[in-house]
Amino acid sequence: MLLSFTVENFKSIRDLQTLSLEARSDDHLAESNVIVEGKTRALKSVALFGPNASGKSNMIEAMVWFRQFVLNSSKEGQVGQEIDIVPFRLSTATEKTPTHFEVEFLWKGQSYRYGFDVTRKEVVAEWLYRSSRTKPAMLFTRDGQEFDVSSEFFKEGKGLEARTRDNALFLSVCAQWNGPVAREVLNWMRRFRHVSGLSEIGFLAFTAERLQDPRKREKLLKLAQTADFNICGLRSEIEQISESKLPPGLSPEVRQTLLAEGVMRAEIKTSHMKLDGDGKPIGLVEFDLSDEESQGTQKFIALTGPITHTLEEGAILVVDELEARLHPLLTQAILALFHGPANPLNAQLICATHDVMLMDPQRLRRDQIWFCAKDERGATDLYTLADFDPDQVRPTTKFSRQYLLGIFGAVPKLAHFEEAAIDGVKG
């Protein structure tokens, strides 16, 4: 269960920004939208709203970068290799200072707080704390290449300090050496997944693989039929790409890499009913999803794989541009899956979206609605609707109408939009 994610000095994010999934104290939609585990109350979903270029995608990208670095830093880098971090570049005060990440989460009854500070050259600081019913415990802290490792709570890290490069995370190294606590933290990180709503290329193969299982195929087909795509059947074809099937024009190095990595070719086929002149069914016609279905159908079918997998595992799914190429009712239906009986294991959804129809008190609580806006210096500011005066924004307020009126900020400033267009025509 994700409780919060914090980032500072990453792309458009200059100052410390925290996306919190801890539920506020009010009871609005608490039964459907809030997870209760002991004294912890967490949200099943949060949605980020804001104008284009406000930093929504950078907030999502920060989560993705953080996860990838934790999972791979001990394996992919070499001594002296630069870290591909991008700080806030519009200020001389930040362009050479560390980028800060921290995550708080609940996993198997214990609360963890893990984070690090990093520059292009090195990991500047790193820390891991764990809390149980008794008291918080420091597992390890790191200042450059100086480590303080708890002999009581993190003895697996003893002796691995010298094996940790200055451009690698100590946690990742400990997990690589089969440290039980470090492995548990990385197991949680693997459940913190991301898909892009703008392109299904990255997760279509995952959905195609799930379609190989008859039970999972039936579930995905039912979702597609409920979405009213007139689809009667789904199937997939998966095969490892051989040298003869690689496209021409690739360099020998690229060809060798693709073959060594065992890249798979995945295709999804949809079936539709064919009718005779009297409108009676006479058979099925198979379409290629990528070539013959609409872009909206392509995205929805591809997205069903990660969504159902997340719900089955009680994991966390982060989606940028959730509504892209989807009808608003479909976007609402996807959100509703996380708030209803389809989510018995309390999976969580984090999405960036422009779909103001989601900003409805019957769908989202105030603490589930977050805004991204840029200040006069080009830096992203992240804040929640729950921070506004409760007398102004009550649980049943028509949030979307107030938002479009600019009451909450985080909307495009279009006062002189038409005037600029007229000037452009005259010019």
Protein backbone atom coordinates (compact mmCIF):
# COMPACT_ATOMS: atom_id res chain seq x y z
CA MET A 1 0.00 0.00 0.00
CA LEU A 2 1.52 3.32 -1.08
CA LEU A 3 1.17 6.09 1.49
CA SER A 4 3.20 8.90 -0.08
CA PHE A 5 5.75 9.77 -2.73
CA THR A 6 8.05 12.79 -2.39
CA VAL A 7 10.36 14.35 -4.98
CA GLU A 8 12.47 17.49 -5.19
CA ASN A 9 14.62 18.95 -7.99
CA PHE A 10 13.47 16.70 -10.84
CA LYS A 11 12.72 18.25 -14.25
CA SER A 12 9.99 20.90 -13.67
CA ILE A 13 9.74 19.98 -9.97
CA ARG A 14 12.03 22.42 -8.15
CA ASP A 15 10.79 22.43 -4.55
CA LEU A 16 9.83 19.51 -2.32
CA GLN A 17 6.49 18.07 -3.52
CA THR A 18 4.61 15.21 -1.84
CA LEU A 19 1.76 13.21 -3.33
CA SER A 20 -0.03 11.72 -0.34
CA LEU A 21 -2.40 8.77 -0.51
CA GLU A 22 -3.24 8.92 3.17
CA ALA A 23 -6.97 9.57 3.56
CA ARG A 24 -8.20 12.59 5.48
CA SER A 25 -10.59 12.13 8.39
CA ASP A 26 -13.93 12.76 6.65
CA ASP A 27 -16.22 9.82 5.90
CA HIS A 28 -17.35 10.81 2.40
CA LEU A 29 -17.10 7.71 0.14
CA ALA A 30 -14.97 6.12 2.84
CA GLU A 31 -16.54 2.68 2.45
CA SER A 32 -15.76 2.44 -1.26
CA ASN A 33 -12.70 4.67 -1.79
CA VAL A 34 -10.65 4.23 1.38
CA ILE A 35 -8.46 1.32 2.54
CA VAL A 36 -8.41 0.76 6.29
CA GLU A 37 -5.57 -1.32 7.74
CA GLY A 38 -5.19 -0.93 11.47
CA LYS A 39 -4.86 2.79 12.17
CA THR A 40 -3.83 3.52 8.59
CA ARG A 41 -6.36 4.95 6.13
CA ALA A 42 -5.20 5.11 2.52
CA LEU A 43 -6.85 6.06 -0.75
CA LYS A 44 -7.59 3.54 -3.48
CA SER A 45 -7.00 6.15 -6.17
CA VAL A 46 -5.80 9.69 -6.77
CA ALA A 47 -6.12 11.79 -9.93
CA LEU A 48 -3.78 14.60 -10.98
CA PHE A 49 -5.33 17.50 -12.90
CA GLY A 50 -3.76 20.58 -14.44
CA PRO A 51 -3.02 22.37 -17.70
CA ASN A 52 -0.58 21.09 -20.31
CA ALA A 53 3.07 21.49 -19.28
CA SER A 54 2.13 21.91 -15.61
CA GLY A 55 4.25 18.94 -14.47
CA LYS A 56 1.70 16.10 -14.20
CA SER A 57 3.75 13.86 -16.46
CA ASN A 58 6.97 14.84 -14.67
CA MET A 59 5.42 13.74 -11.38
CA ILE A 60 4.57 10.40 -12.97
CA GLU A 61 8.01 10.19 -14.56
CA ALA A 62 9.63 10.85 -11.18
CA MET A 63 7.89 7.76 -9.80
CA VAL A 64 8.99 5.71 -12.80
CA TRP A 65 12.61 6.91 -12.58
CA PHE A 66 12.73 6.24 -8.84
CA ARG A 67 11.43 2.69 -9.26
CA GLN A 68 13.76 1.84 -12.13
CA PHE A 69 16.82 3.16 -10.32
CA VAL A 70 15.99 1.17 -7.19
CA LEU A 71 15.50 -2.04 -9.16
CA ASN A 72 18.47 -1.68 -11.51
CA SER A 73 21.20 0.60 -10.11
CA SER A 74 23.32 -2.24 -8.73
CA LYS A 75 23.17 -4.17 -12.01
CA GLU A 76 23.30 -1.69 -14.88
CA GLY A 77 25.94 0.91 -13.97
CA GLN A 78 29.71 0.81 -14.02
CA VAL A 79 32.26 2.63 -11.88
CA GLY A 80 32.40 6.29 -12.94
CA GLN A 81 29.31 6.05 -15.17
CA GLU A 82 27.00 9.06 -14.97
CA ILE A 83 23.50 8.70 -13.55
CA ASP A 84 20.83 9.85 -16.02
CA ILE A 85 19.03 12.19 -13.61
CA VAL A 86 17.65 15.53 -14.86
CA PRO A 87 17.36 18.27 -12.20
CA PHE A 88 15.38 21.51 -12.42
CA ARG A 89 17.31 23.46 -15.05
CA LEU A 90 15.73 26.93 -14.80
CA SER A 91 17.71 27.96 -11.73
CA THR A 92 21.43 28.08 -10.99
CA ALA A 93 20.57 27.12 -7.41
CA THR A 94 19.29 23.67 -8.41
CA GLU A 95 21.10 22.57 -11.57
CA LYS A 96 24.01 21.06 -9.62
CA THR A 97 22.27 20.12 -6.37
CA PRO A 98 20.98 16.60 -5.59
CA THR A 99 17.57 15.28 -6.60
CA HIS A 100 15.60 13.94 -3.65
CA PHE A 101 13.22 10.95 -3.63
CA GLU A 102 11.35 9.33 -0.76
CA VAL A 103 8.52 6.83 -0.56
CA GLU A 104 6.42 5.65 2.38
CA PHE A 105 4.50 2.40 2.10
CA LEU A 106 2.86 -0.36 4.10
CA TRP A 107 3.89 -3.89 3.22
CA LYS A 108 3.02 -7.11 5.07
CA GLY A 109 1.95 -5.24 8.20
CA GLN A 110 5.05 -3.05 8.45
CA SER A 111 5.55 0.57 7.47
CA TYR A 112 8.67 1.54 5.52
CA ARG A 113 10.25 4.87 4.67
CA TYR A 114 12.96 4.72 2.01
CA GLY A 115 14.69 7.42 0.02
CA PHE A 116 17.86 8.80 -1.46
CA ASP A 117 19.52 11.95 -2.81
CA VAL A 118 21.34 11.63 -6.11
CA THR A 119 23.31 13.72 -8.61
CA ARG A 120 24.60 12.79 -12.04
CA LYS A 121 27.82 11.63 -10.40
CA GLU A 122 26.82 9.83 -7.22
CA VAL A 123 24.33 8.78 -4.59
CA VAL A 124 24.76 11.56 -2.02
CA ALA A 125 22.56 10.07 0.72
CA GLU A 126 20.30 7.06 1.29
CA TRP A 127 18.14 5.83 4.16
CA LEU A 128 15.73 3.06 5.14
CA TYR A 129 13.46 3.05 8.22
CA ARG A 130 10.84 0.53 9.30
CA SER A 131 8.04 0.89 11.80
CA SER A 132 6.01 -1.85 13.43
CA ARG A 133 3.59 -1.79 16.35
CA THR A 134 6.43 -1.01 18.74
CA LYS A 135 8.60 1.85 17.46
CA PRO A 136 10.43 3.14 14.37
CA ALA A 137 13.73 1.46 13.60
CA MET A 138 16.64 2.77 11.56
CA LEU A 139 17.83 -0.01 9.25
CA PHE A 140 20.57 1.99 7.56
CA THR A 141 21.62 5.49 6.62
CA ARG A 142 24.24 6.60 4.15
CA ASP A 143 26.16 9.82 3.69
CA GLY A 144 28.18 9.52 0.49
CA GLN A 145 30.27 6.39 1.01
CA GLU A 146 29.89 6.46 4.79
CA PHE A 147 27.33 3.90 6.01
CA ASP A 148 25.60 3.39 9.35
CA VAL A 149 24.07 -0.10 9.24
CA SER A 150 21.99 -1.48 12.11
CA SER A 151 23.43 -4.72 13.46
CA GLU A 152 20.04 -5.53 14.98
CA PHE A 153 17.62 -4.72 12.17
CA PHE A 154 19.73 -4.87 8.96
CA LYS A 155 22.61 -7.22 9.59
CA GLU A 156 22.35 -8.37 5.95
CA GLY A 157 24.01 -5.10 4.96
CA LYS A 158 27.12 -5.62 7.04
CA GLY A 159 30.13 -6.18 4.79
CA LEU A 160 28.38 -4.92 1.65
CA GLU A 161 29.28 -1.26 2.16
CA ALA A 162 32.58 -1.67 0.30
CA ARG A 163 30.80 -3.48 -2.55
CA THR A 164 28.51 -0.50 -3.18
CA ARG A 165 29.64 1.86 -5.94
CA ASP A 166 29.15 5.58 -5.43
CA ASN A 167 26.67 5.56 -8.34
CA ALA A 168 24.62 2.61 -7.02
CA LEU A 169 22.07 2.23 -4.23
CA PHE A 170 23.01 0.28 -1.12
CA LEU A 171 19.49 -1.18 -0.95
CA SER A 172 19.83 -2.58 -4.48
CA VAL A 173 23.22 -4.11 -3.68
CA CYS A 174 21.85 -5.77 -0.52
CA ALA A 175 18.93 -7.21 -2.52
CA GLN A 176 21.33 -8.52 -5.16
CA TRP A 177 23.15 -10.36 -2.36
CA ASN A 178 19.83 -11.87 -1.22
CA GLY A 179 19.33 -9.74 1.87
CA PRO A 180 15.83 -10.70 3.12
CA VAL A 181 14.70 -7.20 4.13
CA ALA A 182 16.11 -5.58 0.99
CA ARG A 183 14.43 -8.26 -1.14
CA GLU A 184 11.09 -7.51 0.54
CA VAL A 185 11.43 -3.80 -0.23
CA LEU A 186 12.30 -4.53 -3.86
CA ASN A 187 9.39 -6.97 -4.10
CA TRP A 188 7.11 -4.09 -3.14
CA MET A 189 8.82 -1.84 -5.71
CA ARG A 190 8.02 -4.37 -8.45
CA ARG A 191 4.33 -3.98 -7.57
CA PHE A 192 4.58 -0.22 -8.17
CA ARG A 193 3.97 -0.27 -11.94
CA HIS A 194 3.49 2.27 -14.72
CA VAL A 195 1.88 2.39 -18.15
CA SER A 196 1.58 5.31 -20.56
CA GLY A 197 -1.90 6.28 -21.66
CA LEU A 198 -0.53 7.76 -24.88
CA SER A 199 1.02 4.59 -26.29
CA GLU A 200 0.10 0.99 -25.66
CA ILE A 201 3.28 -0.38 -27.27
CA GLY A 202 4.93 -0.95 -23.91
CA PHE A 203 2.13 -3.04 -22.40
CA LEU A 204 0.33 -4.62 -25.37
CA ALA A 205 2.72 -7.57 -25.19
CA PHE A 206 1.88 -8.03 -21.51
CA THR A 207 -1.83 -8.17 -22.32
CA ALA A 208 -1.13 -10.57 -25.21
CA GLU A 209 0.66 -12.88 -22.78
CA ARG A 210 -2.31 -12.84 -20.40
CA LEU A 211 -4.60 -13.79 -23.27
CA GLN A 212 -2.73 -17.09 -23.55
CA ASP A 213 -4.42 -18.17 -20.29
CA PRO A 214 -8.07 -19.21 -20.97
CA ARG A 215 -9.36 -17.88 -17.63
CA LYS A 216 -7.64 -14.53 -18.02
CA ARG A 217 -8.75 -14.35 -21.65
CA GLU A 218 -12.37 -14.80 -20.58
CA LYS A 219 -12.03 -11.96 -18.06
CA LEU A 220 -10.48 -9.59 -20.63
CA LEU A 221 -13.13 -10.48 -23.20
CA LYS A 222 -15.89 -9.75 -20.70
CA LEU A 223 -14.41 -6.30 -20.04
CA ALA A 224 -14.21 -5.59 -23.78
CA GLN A 225 -17.82 -6.68 -24.31
CA THR A 226 -18.99 -4.58 -21.37
CA ALA A 227 -17.21 -1.62 -22.97
CA ASP A 228 -19.50 -2.13 -26.01
CA PHE A 229 -16.88 -2.83 -28.68
CA ASN A 230 -18.98 -5.57 -30.38
CA ILE A 231 -16.10 -7.97 -29.89
CA CYS A 232 -17.01 -11.66 -29.76
CA GLY A 233 -13.56 -13.11 -29.18
CA LEU A 234 -9.97 -12.32 -28.28
CA ARG A 235 -6.80 -14.27 -28.83
CA SER A 236 -3.08 -13.56 -29.10
CA GLU A 237 -0.06 -14.80 -30.99
CA ILE A 238 3.35 -14.65 -29.32
CA GLU A 239 6.64 -15.80 -30.78
CA GLN A 240 10.30 -15.06 -30.27
CA ILE A 241 11.72 -13.00 -33.11
CA SER A 242 14.23 -14.91 -35.22
CA GLU A 243 16.92 -13.28 -37.32
CA SER A 244 14.92 -13.84 -40.50
CA LYS A 245 12.01 -11.83 -39.08
CA LEU A 246 13.99 -8.77 -38.02
CA PRO A 247 13.26 -5.69 -40.15
CA PRO A 248 15.88 -4.78 -42.75
CA GLY A 249 18.24 -1.86 -42.21
CA LEU A 250 19.19 -2.61 -38.61
CA SER A 251 22.85 -2.35 -37.71
CA PRO A 252 24.67 -5.58 -36.79
CA GLU A 253 24.97 -4.36 -33.18
CA VAL A 254 21.22 -3.75 -32.86
CA ARG A 255 20.38 -7.09 -34.50
CA GLN A 256 22.73 -8.89 -32.12
CA THR A 257 21.22 -7.12 -29.09
CA LEU A 258 17.63 -7.92 -30.08
CA LEU A 259 18.43 -11.59 -30.67
CA ALA A 260 20.42 -11.86 -27.42
CA GLU A 261 17.56 -10.35 -25.40
CA GLY A 262 15.03 -12.75 -26.91
CA VAL A 263 12.62 -10.04 -28.06
CA MET A 264 9.10 -11.36 -28.54
CA ARG A 265 6.58 -10.47 -31.23
CA ALA A 266 3.08 -10.16 -29.85
CA GLU A 267 -0.18 -9.69 -31.76
CA ILE A 268 -3.75 -9.54 -30.53
CA LYS A 269 -6.68 -10.61 -32.69
CA THR A 270 -10.30 -9.62 -32.19
CA SER A 271 -13.34 -11.46 -33.55
CA HIS A 272 -16.57 -9.82 -34.74
CA MET A 273 -19.86 -11.39 -35.82
CA LYS A 274 -20.58 -11.46 -39.57
CA LEU A 275 -24.24 -11.21 -40.66
CA ASP A 276 -26.07 -12.18 -43.84
CA GLY A 277 -28.45 -9.91 -45.73
CA ASP A 278 -31.25 -10.65 -43.26
CA GLY A 279 -29.10 -9.72 -40.28
CA LYS A 280 -28.60 -13.32 -39.16
CA PRO A 281 -25.17 -14.38 -37.84
CA ILE A 282 -23.24 -16.61 -40.23
CA GLY A 283 -19.79 -16.68 -38.66
CA LEU A 284 -16.92 -14.66 -37.26
CA VAL A 285 -14.45 -12.28 -38.90
CA GLU A 286 -11.06 -11.82 -37.28
CA PHE A 287 -9.37 -8.40 -37.13
CA ASP A 288 -5.81 -7.48 -36.25
CA LEU A 289 -6.04 -5.20 -33.22
CA SER A 290 -3.14 -2.93 -34.23
CA ASP A 291 -4.12 -2.54 -37.90
CA GLU A 292 -7.90 -2.86 -38.08
CA GLU A 293 -9.37 -1.60 -34.80
CA SER A 294 -9.82 2.01 -33.73
CA GLN A 295 -7.14 3.64 -31.59
CA GLY A 296 -9.55 3.75 -28.67
CA THR A 297 -10.22 0.01 -28.94
CA GLN A 298 -6.49 -0.67 -29.22
CA LYS A 299 -5.77 1.29 -26.05
CA PHE A 300 -8.63 -0.18 -24.02
CA ILE A 301 -7.84 -3.80 -24.93
CA ALA A 302 -4.12 -3.29 -24.23
CA LEU A 303 -4.91 -1.56 -20.93
CA THR A 304 -7.12 -4.38 -19.66
CA GLY A 305 -4.05 -6.55 -19.06
CA PRO A 306 -2.24 -4.25 -16.60
CA ILE A 307 -5.52 -3.22 -14.94
CA THR A 308 -6.74 -6.76 -14.24
CA HIS A 309 -3.26 -7.83 -13.14
CA THR A 310 -3.09 -4.90 -10.71
CA LEU A 311 -6.52 -5.73 -9.28
CA GLU A 312 -5.64 -9.42 -8.91
CA GLU A 313 -2.45 -8.67 -7.00
CA GLY A 314 -3.56 -5.67 -4.96
CA ALA A 315 -0.69 -3.70 -6.52
CA ILE A 316 -0.23 -0.04 -7.55
CA LEU A 317 -0.74 1.18 -11.13
CA VAL A 318 0.42 4.60 -12.33
CA VAL A 319 -1.12 5.80 -15.62
CA ASP A 320 -0.29 9.01 -17.46
CA GLU A 321 -3.00 10.48 -19.71
CA LEU A 322 -5.56 7.89 -18.61
CA GLU A 323 -8.34 9.38 -20.73
CA ALA A 324 -6.39 9.66 -24.00
CA ARG A 325 -8.40 8.10 -26.86
CA LEU A 326 -11.07 6.77 -24.47
CA HIS A 327 -14.69 7.85 -24.12
CA PRO A 328 -15.32 9.60 -20.76
CA LEU A 329 -17.69 6.81 -19.68
CA LEU A 330 -14.92 4.26 -20.20
CA THR A 331 -12.51 6.32 -18.11
CA GLN A 332 -15.13 6.48 -15.36
CA ALA A 333 -15.65 2.71 -15.59
CA ILE A 334 -11.91 2.06 -15.19
CA LEU A 335 -11.79 4.28 -12.10
CA ALA A 336 -14.88 2.55 -10.69
CA LEU A 337 -13.12 -0.84 -10.86
CA PHE A 338 -10.74 0.34 -8.13
CA HIS A 339 -13.62 1.51 -5.92
CA GLY A 340 -15.85 -1.55 -6.21
CA PRO A 341 -16.00 -5.32 -5.64
CA ALA A 342 -13.51 -5.92 -8.48
CA ASN A 343 -10.82 -4.66 -6.07
CA PRO A 344 -10.95 -6.98 -3.02
CA LEU A 345 -7.18 -6.76 -2.42
CA ASN A 346 -7.12 -2.94 -2.29
CA ALA A 347 -5.12 -2.16 -5.39
CA GLN A 348 -4.34 1.53 -5.95
CA LEU A 349 -4.54 3.71 -9.07
CA ILE A 350 -2.61 6.95 -9.64
CA CYS A 351 -3.53 8.73 -12.84
CA ALA A 352 -2.82 12.02 -14.57
CA THR A 353 -5.79 13.23 -16.59
CA HIS A 354 -7.62 16.14 -18.22
CA ASP A 355 -11.02 14.44 -17.85
CA VAL A 356 -12.88 16.85 -15.56
CA MET A 357 -15.89 14.49 -15.55
CA LEU A 358 -13.91 12.40 -13.06
CA MET A 359 -13.89 15.43 -10.76
CA ASP A 360 -17.26 14.49 -9.33
CA PRO A 361 -18.14 14.14 -5.62
CA GLN A 362 -19.95 10.88 -6.45
CA ARG A 363 -16.68 9.40 -7.75
CA LEU A 364 -13.81 11.05 -5.90
CA ARG A 365 -13.25 12.49 -2.46
CA ARG A 366 -11.55 15.86 -2.08
CA ASP A 367 -8.31 14.24 -0.93
CA GLN A 368 -8.27 12.11 -4.11
CA ILE A 369 -8.15 15.19 -6.34
CA TRP A 370 -4.72 16.76 -6.85
CA PHE A 371 -3.61 19.71 -8.97
CA CYS A 372 -0.38 20.57 -10.74
CA ALA A 373 0.37 24.21 -11.59
CA LYS A 374 3.50 26.12 -12.50
CA ASP A 375 4.61 29.25 -10.66
CA GLU A 376 6.09 32.37 -12.27
CA ARG A 377 9.55 30.75 -12.30
CA GLY A 378 8.41 27.66 -14.21
CA ALA A 379 8.37 25.28 -11.23
CA THR A 380 5.64 22.72 -10.57
CA ASP A 381 3.46 23.12 -7.48
CA LEU A 382 1.42 20.11 -6.32
CA TYR A 383 -1.57 20.50 -4.02
CA THR A 384 -4.84 18.78 -3.15
CA LEU A 385 -8.44 19.92 -3.19
CA ALA A 386 -8.65 18.83 0.45
CA ASP A 387 -6.42 21.77 1.42
CA PHE A 388 -9.09 24.30 0.40
CA ASP A 389 -11.47 25.83 2.91
CA PRO A 390 -14.07 23.12 3.74
CA ASP A 391 -16.77 25.80 3.85
CA GLN A 392 -15.94 26.64 0.23
CA VAL A 393 -15.41 23.08 -0.99
CA ARG A 394 -17.74 20.64 0.72
CA PRO A 395 -17.76 16.89 0.01
CA THR A 396 -20.77 17.29 -2.31
CA THR A 397 -19.54 20.44 -4.12
CA LYS A 398 -19.59 20.33 -7.93
CA PHE A 399 -15.81 20.25 -8.13
CA SER A 400 -15.54 20.26 -11.93
CA ARG A 401 -17.56 23.44 -12.37
CA GLN A 402 -15.51 25.32 -9.77
CA TYR A 403 -12.30 24.00 -11.31
CA LEU A 404 -13.19 25.18 -14.82
CA LEU A 405 -14.04 28.60 -13.37
CA GLY A 406 -10.45 28.78 -12.12
CA ILE A 407 -11.31 28.76 -8.42
CA PHE A 408 -8.72 26.07 -7.65
CA GLY A 409 -6.09 27.30 -10.12
CA ALA A 410 -4.22 24.76 -12.27
CA VAL A 411 -6.08 25.75 -15.47
CA PRO A 412 -4.75 27.26 -18.71
CA LYS A 413 -4.65 31.06 -18.74
CA LEU A 414 -6.56 31.83 -21.94
CA ALA A 415 -7.65 35.45 -21.41
CA HIS A 416 -5.77 36.65 -24.50
CA PHE A 417 -5.94 33.45 -26.53
CA GLU A 418 -8.23 34.77 -29.30
CA GLU A 419 -6.39 38.07 -29.36
CA ALA A 420 -3.11 36.26 -29.99
CA ALA A 421 -4.69 34.27 -32.83
CA ILE A 422 -6.00 37.46 -34.47
CA ASP A 423 -2.58 39.10 -34.17
CA GLY A 424 -1.05 36.04 -35.78
CA VAL A 425 -3.43 36.24 -38.73
CA LYS A 426 -2.72 39.94 -39.17
CA GLY A 427 1.01 39.33 -39.02
